[in-house]
Amino acid sequence: MKFEEPKSGEGEAREMQWRAVAESIGGIKDRLGKGIDEEIKPAVIGLKANGFGTTMSCEGHLDWALPWPWVVVESQLAERHLSDRHFNELKGKVKAFRNGEGVMSDAEKQEYEELTDAQIEENEKEFQRLTGFLQEFYKPDTEESHKGVVRLGINKGPWNQSRLQPADVPTKIKPQESQKLWPEQEKEQRLLAYRKEMERFSDFLKQKFFEQSK
């Protein structure tokens, strides 16, 4: 799905916004200090540019982790909570309290409940919005272009997280078990096909973003 981006007026502003999002994800690191996988970057950029929050992602691997690409999509509030010191301090206190290793005041309990309830509510909104994006991507009048290709789906997780991934893969499986699902040749072919479909959806997200300037 290729298109020409607008080059003047609002189009130039949108192009600058897109570039800013792309540059911003360059500084994102996981707990091991690794950046976002190259093959999944276009999807992460497209999702963020369209206002979604993303909290985890992977391009898929043939010898470790899951052999298909995925992105955990949440609200921007959930994304902010990841790096919010106060929220994470409360979260740590809750975990210790539930394990019988600490104490929490009633005010802290109430604040944490209010913050998590807000995150769950916002995540539900983003789940519904992402569902709408996928429905548009696979709308009937474009069915011909989707024949013979794998499809993406959404696995709804805790706190209404949306896990964007191929629709035909297990929703709950350990990485080491997922590596044994298919023979090596089939696994490689599937990974290529899954990445290709994620790339097509990334192109769709980019188109949606620039259409807002028309």
N, C-alpha and C. Protein backbone atom coordinates (compact mmCIF):
# COMPACT_ATOMS: atom_id res chain seq x y z
N MET A 1 0.85 -1.18 0.00
CA MET A 1 0.00 0.00 0.00
C MET A 1 0.89 1.24 0.00
N LYS A 2 1.09 1.80 -1.16
CA LYS A 2 1.97 2.96 -1.29
C LYS A 2 1.15 4.20 -1.64
N PHE A 3 1.63 5.35 -1.26
CA PHE A 3 0.93 6.58 -1.54
C PHE A 3 1.92 7.73 -1.46
N GLU A 4 1.51 8.88 -1.98
CA GLU A 4 2.35 10.07 -1.93
C GLU A 4 1.89 10.96 -0.79
N GLU A 5 2.82 11.36 0.02
CA GLU A 5 2.49 12.21 1.15
C GLU A 5 2.32 13.65 0.66
N PRO A 6 1.37 14.39 1.23
CA PRO A 6 1.21 15.79 0.87
C PRO A 6 2.47 16.59 1.19
N LYS A 7 2.79 17.56 0.36
CA LYS A 7 4.06 18.27 0.51
C LYS A 7 3.90 19.74 0.89
N SER A 8 2.69 20.20 1.16
CA SER A 8 2.55 21.61 1.48
C SER A 8 1.52 21.80 2.58
N GLY A 9 1.57 22.99 3.21
CA GLY A 9 0.59 23.33 4.23
C GLY A 9 0.54 22.33 5.35
N GLU A 10 -0.68 21.85 5.64
CA GLU A 10 -0.89 20.90 6.72
C GLU A 10 -0.10 19.63 6.48
N GLY A 11 0.08 19.27 5.21
CA GLY A 11 0.85 18.07 4.89
C GLY A 11 2.27 18.14 5.40
N GLU A 12 2.89 19.31 5.30
CA GLU A 12 4.26 19.48 5.78
C GLU A 12 4.31 19.35 7.30
N ALA A 13 3.28 19.88 7.97
CA ALA A 13 3.22 19.78 9.43
C ALA A 13 3.08 18.32 9.84
N ARG A 14 2.24 17.57 9.11
CA ARG A 14 2.06 16.16 9.43
C ARG A 14 3.36 15.39 9.20
N GLU A 15 4.07 15.77 8.15
CA GLU A 15 5.34 15.09 7.86
C GLU A 15 6.34 15.33 8.98
N MET A 16 6.35 16.55 9.51
CA MET A 16 7.24 16.86 10.62
C MET A 16 6.85 16.06 11.87
N GLN A 17 5.56 15.92 12.10
CA GLN A 17 5.08 15.14 13.24
C GLN A 17 5.50 13.68 13.10
N TRP A 18 5.36 13.16 11.89
CA TRP A 18 5.74 11.76 11.64
C TRP A 18 7.23 11.55 11.94
N ARG A 19 8.04 12.47 11.44
CA ARG A 19 9.48 12.36 11.66
C ARG A 19 9.82 12.47 13.14
N ALA A 20 9.09 13.31 13.86
CA ALA A 20 9.34 13.48 15.29
C ALA A 20 9.03 12.18 16.05
N VAL A 21 7.94 11.52 15.66
CA VAL A 21 7.59 10.24 16.29
C VAL A 21 8.67 9.20 15.99
N ALA A 22 9.09 9.15 14.74
CA ALA A 22 10.12 8.19 14.34
C ALA A 22 11.42 8.41 15.11
N GLU A 23 11.78 9.67 15.30
CA GLU A 23 13.01 9.98 16.05
C GLU A 23 12.85 9.65 17.53
N SER A 24 11.65 9.85 18.06
CA SER A 24 11.43 9.65 19.50
C SER A 24 11.58 8.19 19.90
N ILE A 25 11.25 7.27 19.03
CA ILE A 25 11.32 5.86 19.43
C ILE A 25 12.77 5.36 19.41
N GLY A 26 13.66 6.16 18.85
CA GLY A 26 15.06 5.76 18.84
C GLY A 26 15.65 5.67 20.23
N GLY A 27 15.07 6.41 21.18
CA GLY A 27 15.59 6.40 22.54
C GLY A 27 14.90 5.41 23.46
N ILE A 28 13.92 4.68 22.92
CA ILE A 28 13.20 3.72 23.75
C ILE A 28 14.03 2.46 23.96
N LYS A 29 14.21 2.05 25.20
CA LYS A 29 14.98 0.85 25.52
C LYS A 29 14.16 -0.05 26.43
N ASP A 30 14.39 -1.36 26.31
CA ASP A 30 13.72 -2.28 27.21
C ASP A 30 14.55 -2.47 28.47
N ARG A 31 14.16 -3.41 29.33
CA ARG A 31 14.86 -3.61 30.60
C ARG A 31 16.29 -4.08 30.40
N LEU A 32 16.58 -4.64 29.24
CA LEU A 32 17.93 -5.12 28.95
C LEU A 32 18.75 -4.07 28.21
N GLY A 33 18.16 -2.90 27.99
CA GLY A 33 18.87 -1.83 27.31
C GLY A 33 18.84 -1.93 25.80
N LYS A 34 17.97 -2.80 25.27
CA LYS A 34 17.89 -2.97 23.82
C LYS A 34 16.79 -2.09 23.24
N GLY A 35 17.03 -1.60 22.03
CA GLY A 35 16.05 -0.77 21.36
C GLY A 35 14.97 -1.59 20.67
N ILE A 36 14.03 -0.91 20.04
CA ILE A 36 12.95 -1.58 19.33
C ILE A 36 13.50 -2.31 18.11
N ASP A 37 13.06 -3.54 17.89
CA ASP A 37 13.49 -4.32 16.74
C ASP A 37 13.19 -3.58 15.44
N GLU A 38 14.11 -3.65 14.49
CA GLU A 38 13.97 -2.91 13.23
C GLU A 38 12.72 -3.30 12.45
N GLU A 39 12.40 -4.59 12.41
CA GLU A 39 11.28 -5.05 11.59
C GLU A 39 9.91 -4.62 12.13
N ILE A 40 9.87 -4.29 13.43
CA ILE A 40 8.59 -3.88 14.02
C ILE A 40 8.49 -2.37 14.17
N LYS A 41 9.58 -1.65 13.93
CA LYS A 41 9.58 -0.19 14.10
C LYS A 41 8.50 0.51 13.28
N PRO A 42 8.30 0.17 11.99
CA PRO A 42 7.25 0.88 11.23
C PRO A 42 5.87 0.77 11.87
N ALA A 43 5.55 -0.39 12.44
CA ALA A 43 4.25 -0.55 13.10
C ALA A 43 4.17 0.29 14.36
N VAL A 44 5.25 0.32 15.13
CA VAL A 44 5.27 1.12 16.36
C VAL A 44 5.13 2.61 16.03
N ILE A 45 5.85 3.05 15.01
CA ILE A 45 5.76 4.45 14.59
C ILE A 45 4.34 4.78 14.13
N GLY A 46 3.77 3.91 13.30
CA GLY A 46 2.42 4.14 12.79
C GLY A 46 1.38 4.20 13.90
N LEU A 47 1.51 3.31 14.87
CA LEU A 47 0.56 3.30 15.98
C LEU A 47 0.70 4.56 16.83
N LYS A 48 1.94 4.92 17.17
CA LYS A 48 2.16 6.10 17.99
C LYS A 48 1.72 7.38 17.26
N ALA A 49 2.00 7.45 15.98
CA ALA A 49 1.61 8.63 15.22
C ALA A 49 0.09 8.81 15.20
N ASN A 50 -0.63 7.69 15.27
CA ASN A 50 -2.10 7.75 15.28
C ASN A 50 -2.68 7.82 16.69
N GLY A 51 -1.82 8.11 17.68
CA GLY A 51 -2.29 8.38 19.02
C GLY A 51 -2.34 7.21 19.97
N PHE A 52 -1.91 6.03 19.53
CA PHE A 52 -1.89 4.87 20.43
C PHE A 52 -0.64 4.88 21.29
N GLY A 53 -0.73 4.27 22.45
CA GLY A 53 0.45 4.04 23.25
C GLY A 53 0.93 2.62 22.98
N THR A 54 2.24 2.40 22.98
CA THR A 54 2.78 1.05 22.83
C THR A 54 3.72 0.79 23.99
N THR A 55 3.62 -0.40 24.59
CA THR A 55 4.40 -0.67 25.79
C THR A 55 5.38 -1.82 25.62
N MET A 56 5.19 -2.68 24.62
CA MET A 56 6.13 -3.76 24.33
C MET A 56 5.98 -4.15 22.87
N SER A 57 7.04 -4.73 22.30
CA SER A 57 6.95 -5.17 20.91
C SER A 57 8.10 -6.12 20.58
N CYS A 58 7.95 -6.86 19.49
CA CYS A 58 9.00 -7.76 19.03
C CYS A 58 8.77 -8.06 17.55
N GLU A 59 9.83 -8.19 16.80
CA GLU A 59 9.72 -8.48 15.37
C GLU A 59 9.53 -9.96 15.08
N GLY A 60 9.73 -10.82 16.10
CA GLY A 60 9.65 -12.26 15.90
C GLY A 60 11.02 -12.82 15.56
N HIS A 61 11.33 -14.02 16.07
CA HIS A 61 12.65 -14.61 15.87
C HIS A 61 12.55 -16.11 15.63
N LEU A 62 13.51 -16.66 14.91
CA LEU A 62 13.49 -18.07 14.56
C LEU A 62 14.18 -18.96 15.58
N ASP A 63 14.96 -18.39 16.49
CA ASP A 63 15.70 -19.22 17.43
C ASP A 63 15.46 -18.87 18.89
N TRP A 64 14.64 -17.86 19.15
CA TRP A 64 14.29 -17.51 20.52
C TRP A 64 13.07 -16.61 20.50
N ALA A 65 12.47 -16.41 21.67
CA ALA A 65 11.24 -15.61 21.77
C ALA A 65 10.15 -16.22 20.89
N LEU A 66 9.16 -15.43 20.53
CA LEU A 66 8.06 -15.92 19.70
C LEU A 66 8.42 -15.77 18.22
N PRO A 67 8.07 -16.73 17.38
CA PRO A 67 8.42 -16.66 15.96
C PRO A 67 7.39 -15.89 15.13
N TRP A 68 6.89 -14.81 15.66
CA TRP A 68 5.99 -13.92 14.92
C TRP A 68 6.06 -12.52 15.54
N PRO A 69 5.76 -11.50 14.77
CA PRO A 69 5.83 -10.12 15.28
C PRO A 69 4.60 -9.78 16.12
N TRP A 70 4.77 -8.90 17.08
CA TRP A 70 3.65 -8.46 17.91
C TRP A 70 3.95 -7.11 18.54
N VAL A 71 2.87 -6.41 18.88
CA VAL A 71 2.97 -5.12 19.59
C VAL A 71 1.88 -5.07 20.65
N VAL A 72 2.25 -4.71 21.87
CA VAL A 72 1.25 -4.47 22.91
C VAL A 72 0.82 -3.01 22.81
N VAL A 73 -0.46 -2.81 22.51
CA VAL A 73 -1.01 -1.47 22.32
C VAL A 73 -1.86 -1.12 23.54
N GLU A 74 -1.59 0.03 24.13
CA GLU A 74 -2.36 0.51 25.26
C GLU A 74 -2.65 1.99 25.07
N SER A 75 -3.17 2.60 26.11
CA SER A 75 -3.44 4.03 26.06
C SER A 75 -2.16 4.81 26.30
N GLN A 76 -2.19 6.07 25.96
CA GLN A 76 -1.05 6.93 26.26
C GLN A 76 -0.87 7.07 27.76
N LEU A 77 -1.97 6.95 28.52
CA LEU A 77 -1.87 6.99 29.98
C LEU A 77 -1.06 5.80 30.49
N ALA A 78 -1.33 4.62 29.95
CA ALA A 78 -0.57 3.43 30.35
C ALA A 78 0.90 3.59 30.00
N GLU A 79 1.14 4.19 28.85
CA GLU A 79 2.51 4.43 28.41
C GLU A 79 3.23 5.37 29.37
N ARG A 80 2.54 6.41 29.83
CA ARG A 80 3.14 7.34 30.79
C ARG A 80 3.38 6.68 32.14
N HIS A 81 2.48 5.81 32.55
CA HIS A 81 2.63 5.13 33.83
C HIS A 81 3.90 4.28 33.89
N LEU A 82 4.32 3.78 32.74
CA LEU A 82 5.53 2.95 32.71
C LEU A 82 6.74 3.68 33.26
N SER A 83 6.82 4.96 33.01
CA SER A 83 7.99 5.74 33.44
C SER A 83 7.68 6.71 34.58
N ASP A 84 6.46 6.65 35.11
CA ASP A 84 6.07 7.54 36.20
C ASP A 84 6.58 6.99 37.53
N ARG A 85 7.45 7.73 38.17
CA ARG A 85 8.09 7.25 39.41
C ARG A 85 7.07 7.00 40.52
N HIS A 86 6.15 7.92 40.70
CA HIS A 86 5.18 7.79 41.77
C HIS A 86 4.28 6.58 41.55
N PHE A 87 3.81 6.40 40.32
CA PHE A 87 2.95 5.25 40.02
C PHE A 87 3.68 3.94 40.29
N ASN A 88 4.93 3.88 39.89
CA ASN A 88 5.68 2.64 40.08
C ASN A 88 6.04 2.39 41.55
N GLU A 89 6.18 3.47 42.32
CA GLU A 89 6.38 3.29 43.76
C GLU A 89 5.12 2.70 44.40
N LEU A 90 3.96 3.20 43.98
CA LEU A 90 2.70 2.66 44.49
C LEU A 90 2.54 1.20 44.08
N LYS A 91 2.89 0.92 42.84
CA LYS A 91 2.78 -0.45 42.33
C LYS A 91 3.66 -1.39 43.14
N GLY A 92 4.87 -0.93 43.46
CA GLY A 92 5.77 -1.74 44.27
C GLY A 92 5.23 -1.98 45.67
N LYS A 93 4.61 -0.95 46.25
CA LYS A 93 4.02 -1.09 47.58
C LYS A 93 2.87 -2.08 47.57
N VAL A 94 2.07 -2.04 46.50
CA VAL A 94 0.95 -2.97 46.39
C VAL A 94 1.45 -4.41 46.32
N LYS A 95 2.46 -4.62 45.52
CA LYS A 95 3.02 -5.97 45.39
C LYS A 95 3.55 -6.47 46.72
N ALA A 96 4.29 -5.62 47.44
CA ALA A 96 4.83 -6.01 48.74
C ALA A 96 3.72 -6.26 49.74
N PHE A 97 2.69 -5.41 49.71
CA PHE A 97 1.57 -5.54 50.65
C PHE A 97 0.84 -6.86 50.43
N ARG A 98 0.62 -7.21 49.17
CA ARG A 98 -0.08 -8.46 48.85
C ARG A 98 0.74 -9.69 49.22
N ASN A 99 2.05 -9.51 49.28
CA ASN A 99 2.93 -10.61 49.68
C ASN A 99 3.18 -10.62 51.18
N GLY A 100 2.49 -9.71 51.88
CA GLY A 100 2.64 -9.64 53.33
C GLY A 100 3.97 -9.07 53.77
N GLU A 101 4.58 -8.25 52.91
CA GLU A 101 5.93 -7.75 53.21
C GLU A 101 5.96 -6.24 53.44
N GLY A 102 4.82 -5.60 53.49
CA GLY A 102 4.83 -4.16 53.67
C GLY A 102 3.47 -3.66 54.11
N VAL A 103 3.35 -2.36 54.27
CA VAL A 103 2.08 -1.74 54.67
C VAL A 103 1.73 -0.63 53.69
N MET A 104 0.43 -0.38 53.57
CA MET A 104 -0.06 0.71 52.73
C MET A 104 -1.15 1.44 53.47
N SER A 105 -1.17 2.75 53.31
CA SER A 105 -2.24 3.53 53.92
C SER A 105 -3.50 3.41 53.06
N ASP A 106 -4.63 3.72 53.65
CA ASP A 106 -5.89 3.68 52.89
C ASP A 106 -5.84 4.67 51.74
N ALA A 107 -5.19 5.81 51.95
CA ALA A 107 -5.09 6.82 50.90
C ALA A 107 -4.27 6.30 49.72
N GLU A 108 -3.19 5.57 50.02
CA GLU A 108 -2.36 5.01 48.95
C GLU A 108 -3.13 3.93 48.18
N LYS A 109 -3.87 3.12 48.90
CA LYS A 109 -4.66 2.08 48.24
C LYS A 109 -5.69 2.71 47.32
N GLN A 110 -6.35 3.75 47.79
CA GLN A 110 -7.38 4.40 46.98
C GLN A 110 -6.77 5.06 45.76
N GLU A 111 -5.63 5.73 45.95
CA GLU A 111 -4.97 6.39 44.83
C GLU A 111 -4.56 5.38 43.76
N TYR A 112 -3.97 4.27 44.19
CA TYR A 112 -3.53 3.25 43.24
C TYR A 112 -4.73 2.67 42.49
N GLU A 113 -5.82 2.43 43.20
CA GLU A 113 -7.02 1.89 42.57
C GLU A 113 -7.58 2.87 41.53
N GLU A 114 -7.57 4.15 41.87
CA GLU A 114 -8.08 5.16 40.93
C GLU A 114 -7.20 5.25 39.69
N LEU A 115 -5.89 5.20 39.89
CA LEU A 115 -4.97 5.27 38.76
C LEU A 115 -5.10 4.06 37.84
N THR A 116 -5.20 2.88 38.44
CA THR A 116 -5.31 1.66 37.62
C THR A 116 -6.67 1.58 36.94
N ASP A 117 -7.71 2.02 37.63
CA ASP A 117 -9.04 2.03 37.00
C ASP A 117 -9.06 2.94 35.79
N ALA A 118 -8.40 4.09 35.91
CA ALA A 118 -8.33 5.03 34.79
C ALA A 118 -7.57 4.41 33.62
N GLN A 119 -6.48 3.69 33.94
CA GLN A 119 -5.70 3.06 32.89
C GLN A 119 -6.51 1.97 32.18
N ILE A 120 -7.21 1.17 32.95
CA ILE A 120 -8.04 0.10 32.38
C ILE A 120 -9.12 0.69 31.47
N GLU A 121 -9.73 1.79 31.92
CA GLU A 121 -10.78 2.44 31.13
C GLU A 121 -10.21 3.00 29.83
N GLU A 122 -9.07 3.67 29.91
CA GLU A 122 -8.46 4.23 28.71
C GLU A 122 -7.98 3.14 27.76
N ASN A 123 -7.48 2.03 28.32
CA ASN A 123 -7.04 0.91 27.48
C ASN A 123 -8.21 0.31 26.70
N GLU A 124 -9.38 0.26 27.33
CA GLU A 124 -10.56 -0.27 26.65
C GLU A 124 -10.92 0.61 25.44
N LYS A 125 -10.80 1.92 25.61
CA LYS A 125 -11.09 2.83 24.51
C LYS A 125 -10.13 2.57 23.34
N GLU A 126 -8.85 2.34 23.67
CA GLU A 126 -7.86 2.10 22.62
C GLU A 126 -8.05 0.72 21.98
N PHE A 127 -8.51 -0.25 22.76
CA PHE A 127 -8.85 -1.55 22.19
C PHE A 127 -9.95 -1.41 21.15
N GLN A 128 -10.98 -0.65 21.48
CA GLN A 128 -12.08 -0.44 20.55
C GLN A 128 -11.60 0.32 19.31
N ARG A 129 -10.76 1.31 19.52
CA ARG A 129 -10.27 2.10 18.39
C ARG A 129 -9.37 1.27 17.47
N LEU A 130 -8.49 0.46 18.07
CA LEU A 130 -7.62 -0.40 17.27
C LEU A 130 -8.45 -1.43 16.51
N THR A 131 -9.50 -1.94 17.15
CA THR A 131 -10.40 -2.87 16.47
C THR A 131 -11.00 -2.22 15.23
N GLY A 132 -11.37 -0.96 15.36
CA GLY A 132 -11.91 -0.22 14.22
C GLY A 132 -10.89 -0.06 13.10
N PHE A 133 -9.64 0.19 13.46
CA PHE A 133 -8.58 0.31 12.46
C PHE A 133 -8.43 -1.01 11.69
N LEU A 134 -8.42 -2.12 12.41
CA LEU A 134 -8.27 -3.42 11.75
C LEU A 134 -9.46 -3.73 10.86
N GLN A 135 -10.65 -3.39 11.31
CA GLN A 135 -11.84 -3.63 10.51
C GLN A 135 -11.79 -2.83 9.21
N GLU A 136 -11.30 -1.61 9.29
CA GLU A 136 -11.16 -0.80 8.08
C GLU A 136 -10.08 -1.37 7.16
N PHE A 137 -8.99 -1.84 7.76
CA PHE A 137 -7.90 -2.43 6.99
C PHE A 137 -8.38 -3.65 6.22
N TYR A 138 -9.25 -4.43 6.83
CA TYR A 138 -9.77 -5.64 6.20
C TYR A 138 -11.20 -5.47 5.68
N LYS A 139 -11.59 -4.26 5.35
CA LYS A 139 -12.95 -4.01 4.90
C LYS A 139 -13.25 -4.79 3.61
N PRO A 140 -14.52 -5.15 3.41
CA PRO A 140 -14.91 -6.00 2.28
C PRO A 140 -14.46 -5.52 0.91
N ASP A 141 -14.47 -4.22 0.67
CA ASP A 141 -14.13 -3.74 -0.66
C ASP A 141 -12.64 -3.84 -0.97
N THR A 142 -11.85 -4.25 0.02
CA THR A 142 -10.42 -4.49 -0.24
C THR A 142 -10.10 -5.98 -0.05
N GLU A 143 -11.14 -6.80 0.02
CA GLU A 143 -10.97 -8.23 0.28
C GLU A 143 -10.05 -8.88 -0.73
N GLU A 144 -10.12 -8.46 -1.98
CA GLU A 144 -9.30 -9.07 -3.03
C GLU A 144 -7.81 -8.95 -2.70
N SER A 145 -7.41 -7.82 -2.15
CA SER A 145 -6.00 -7.60 -1.86
C SER A 145 -5.51 -8.41 -0.67
N HIS A 146 -6.46 -8.99 0.07
CA HIS A 146 -6.08 -9.76 1.26
C HIS A 146 -6.16 -11.26 1.03
N LYS A 147 -6.53 -11.67 -0.17
CA LYS A 147 -6.61 -13.10 -0.43
C LYS A 147 -5.23 -13.75 -0.39
N GLY A 148 -5.18 -14.90 0.24
CA GLY A 148 -3.94 -15.66 0.27
C GLY A 148 -2.91 -15.15 1.26
N VAL A 149 -3.27 -14.19 2.11
CA VAL A 149 -2.31 -13.68 3.08
C VAL A 149 -2.82 -13.94 4.49
N VAL A 150 -1.91 -13.96 5.43
CA VAL A 150 -2.31 -14.12 6.83
C VAL A 150 -2.99 -12.84 7.30
N ARG A 151 -3.70 -12.92 8.37
CA ARG A 151 -4.37 -11.76 8.91
C ARG A 151 -3.87 -11.45 10.31
N LEU A 152 -4.01 -10.20 10.69
CA LEU A 152 -3.67 -9.78 12.04
C LEU A 152 -4.93 -9.81 12.91
N GLY A 153 -4.73 -9.97 14.20
CA GLY A 153 -5.83 -9.94 15.13
C GLY A 153 -5.40 -9.26 16.42
N ILE A 154 -6.31 -9.19 17.38
CA ILE A 154 -6.02 -8.55 18.66
C ILE A 154 -6.35 -9.53 19.78
N ASN A 155 -5.37 -9.79 20.62
CA ASN A 155 -5.59 -10.60 21.81
C ASN A 155 -5.71 -9.64 23.00
N LYS A 156 -6.87 -9.62 23.62
CA LYS A 156 -7.10 -8.70 24.74
C LYS A 156 -6.54 -9.30 26.01
N GLY A 157 -5.67 -8.56 26.67
CA GLY A 157 -5.00 -9.07 27.86
C GLY A 157 -5.41 -8.36 29.13
N PRO A 158 -4.63 -8.53 30.20
CA PRO A 158 -4.91 -7.88 31.48
C PRO A 158 -4.96 -6.36 31.34
N TRP A 159 -5.82 -5.75 32.13
CA TRP A 159 -5.99 -4.30 32.11
C TRP A 159 -6.37 -3.80 30.71
N ASN A 160 -7.04 -4.65 29.94
CA ASN A 160 -7.53 -4.32 28.60
C ASN A 160 -6.41 -3.97 27.62
N GLN A 161 -5.25 -4.57 27.82
CA GLN A 161 -4.17 -4.41 26.84
C GLN A 161 -4.59 -5.03 25.51
N SER A 162 -4.12 -4.46 24.42
CA SER A 162 -4.37 -5.01 23.09
C SER A 162 -3.05 -5.54 22.54
N ARG A 163 -2.98 -6.84 22.30
CA ARG A 163 -1.77 -7.43 21.73
C ARG A 163 -2.02 -7.67 20.25
N LEU A 164 -1.44 -6.83 19.41
CA LEU A 164 -1.59 -6.93 17.96
C LEU A 164 -0.61 -7.99 17.45
N GLN A 165 -1.14 -9.05 16.83
CA GLN A 165 -0.30 -10.14 16.37
C GLN A 165 -1.06 -10.93 15.30
N PRO A 166 -0.42 -11.89 14.63
CA PRO A 166 -1.14 -12.71 13.66
C PRO A 166 -2.34 -13.38 14.31
N ALA A 167 -3.43 -13.48 13.57
CA ALA A 167 -4.67 -14.02 14.13
C ALA A 167 -4.65 -15.53 14.30
N ASP A 168 -3.73 -16.22 13.62
CA ASP A 168 -3.76 -17.69 13.65
C ASP A 168 -2.70 -18.30 14.56
N VAL A 169 -2.16 -17.53 15.48
CA VAL A 169 -1.15 -18.06 16.41
C VAL A 169 -1.76 -18.23 17.79
N PRO A 170 -1.20 -19.10 18.62
CA PRO A 170 -1.73 -19.29 19.98
C PRO A 170 -1.68 -18.00 20.78
N THR A 171 -2.68 -17.78 21.60
CA THR A 171 -2.71 -16.56 22.40
C THR A 171 -1.93 -16.71 23.71
N LYS A 172 -1.80 -17.93 24.18
CA LYS A 172 -1.05 -18.18 25.42
C LYS A 172 -0.10 -19.35 25.20
N ILE A 173 1.18 -19.05 25.08
CA ILE A 173 2.17 -20.09 24.86
C ILE A 173 3.54 -19.56 25.28
N LYS A 174 4.36 -20.41 25.85
CA LYS A 174 5.69 -20.01 26.25
C LYS A 174 6.59 -19.91 25.01
N PRO A 175 7.53 -18.96 25.02
CA PRO A 175 8.42 -18.78 23.86
C PRO A 175 9.10 -20.07 23.42
N GLN A 176 9.62 -20.84 24.37
CA GLN A 176 10.34 -22.06 23.99
C GLN A 176 9.41 -23.08 23.33
N GLU A 177 8.14 -23.07 23.74
CA GLU A 177 7.17 -23.98 23.14
C GLU A 177 6.76 -23.49 21.75
N SER A 178 6.69 -22.17 21.59
CA SER A 178 6.29 -21.61 20.29
C SER A 178 7.30 -21.94 19.20
N GLN A 179 8.57 -22.08 19.59
CA GLN A 179 9.61 -22.40 18.62
C GLN A 179 9.47 -23.82 18.06
N LYS A 180 8.67 -24.64 18.70
CA LYS A 180 8.49 -26.03 18.28
C LYS A 180 7.17 -26.27 17.56
N LEU A 181 6.43 -25.20 17.30
CA LEU A 181 5.11 -25.34 16.68
C LEU A 181 5.18 -25.90 15.26
N TRP A 182 6.19 -25.48 14.51
CA TRP A 182 6.28 -25.86 13.10
C TRP A 182 7.70 -26.31 12.75
N PRO A 183 7.84 -27.10 11.68
CA PRO A 183 9.19 -27.43 11.19
C PRO A 183 9.92 -26.15 10.82
N GLU A 184 11.25 -26.20 10.83
CA GLU A 184 12.05 -25.00 10.62
C GLU A 184 11.70 -24.26 9.35
N GLN A 185 11.51 -24.96 8.24
CA GLN A 185 11.22 -24.29 6.97
C GLN A 185 9.86 -23.59 7.03
N GLU A 186 8.87 -24.27 7.59
CA GLU A 186 7.55 -23.65 7.70
C GLU A 186 7.58 -22.46 8.65
N LYS A 187 8.33 -22.60 9.73
CA LYS A 187 8.45 -21.51 10.70
C LYS A 187 9.05 -20.27 10.04
N GLU A 188 10.07 -20.47 9.22
CA GLU A 188 10.70 -19.36 8.51
C GLU A 188 9.73 -18.72 7.53
N GLN A 189 8.98 -19.55 6.80
CA GLN A 189 8.01 -19.02 5.84
C GLN A 189 6.91 -18.24 6.54
N ARG A 190 6.46 -18.77 7.66
CA ARG A 190 5.41 -18.08 8.42
C ARG A 190 5.91 -16.73 8.94
N LEU A 191 7.11 -16.70 9.47
CA LEU A 191 7.64 -15.44 10.00
C LEU A 191 7.72 -14.38 8.91
N LEU A 192 8.17 -14.78 7.72
CA LEU A 192 8.23 -13.83 6.61
C LEU A 192 6.84 -13.33 6.24
N ALA A 193 5.87 -14.25 6.22
CA ALA A 193 4.50 -13.85 5.87
C ALA A 193 3.89 -12.96 6.95
N TYR A 194 4.15 -13.29 8.21
CA TYR A 194 3.63 -12.48 9.31
C TYR A 194 4.22 -11.07 9.29
N ARG A 195 5.53 -11.00 9.04
CA ARG A 195 6.16 -9.68 8.97
C ARG A 195 5.63 -8.88 7.79
N LYS A 196 5.36 -9.55 6.69
CA LYS A 196 4.83 -8.86 5.51
C LYS A 196 3.47 -8.26 5.80
N GLU A 197 2.61 -9.01 6.51
CA GLU A 197 1.29 -8.49 6.83
C GLU A 197 1.38 -7.34 7.83
N MET A 198 2.29 -7.43 8.78
CA MET A 198 2.49 -6.33 9.71
C MET A 198 3.00 -5.09 8.96
N GLU A 199 3.82 -5.31 7.94
CA GLU A 199 4.30 -4.20 7.12
C GLU A 199 3.15 -3.55 6.36
N ARG A 200 2.24 -4.39 5.83
CA ARG A 200 1.07 -3.85 5.11
C ARG A 200 0.20 -3.01 6.05
N PHE A 201 0.04 -3.48 7.27
CA PHE A 201 -0.76 -2.72 8.23
C PHE A 201 -0.03 -1.43 8.61
N SER A 202 1.29 -1.47 8.68
CA SER A 202 2.08 -0.27 8.97
C SER A 202 1.88 0.78 7.88
N ASP A 203 1.85 0.32 6.62
CA ASP A 203 1.59 1.24 5.51
C ASP A 203 0.20 1.86 5.63
N PHE A 204 -0.77 1.05 6.04
CA PHE A 204 -2.13 1.54 6.25
C PHE A 204 -2.17 2.60 7.35
N LEU A 205 -1.45 2.35 8.43
CA LEU A 205 -1.40 3.32 9.53
C LEU A 205 -0.79 4.64 9.07
N LYS A 206 0.23 4.55 8.25
CA LYS A 206 0.88 5.76 7.75
C LYS A 206 -0.09 6.53 6.84
N GLN A 207 -0.81 5.80 6.03
CA GLN A 207 -1.78 6.44 5.15
C GLN A 207 -2.87 7.13 5.97
N LYS A 208 -3.36 6.46 7.01
CA LYS A 208 -4.38 7.05 7.87
C LYS A 208 -3.88 8.35 8.49
N PHE A 209 -2.64 8.35 8.92
CA PHE A 209 -2.08 9.53 9.56
C PHE A 209 -2.03 10.71 8.59
N PHE A 210 -1.55 10.48 7.38
CA PHE A 210 -1.41 11.59 6.43
C PHE A 210 -2.73 12.00 5.81
N GLU A 211 -3.72 11.11 5.83
CA GLU A 211 -5.03 11.48 5.31
C GLU A 211 -5.68 12.58 6.15
N GLN A 212 -5.26 12.70 7.40
CA GLN A 212 -5.83 13.70 8.29
C GLN A 212 -5.44 15.12 7.89
N SER A 213 -4.47 15.23 6.99
CA SER A 213 -4.04 16.56 6.56
C SER A 213 -4.75 17.01 5.29
N LYS A 214 -5.59 16.16 4.75
CA LYS A 214 -6.29 16.50 3.49
C LYS A 214 -7.58 17.26 3.78
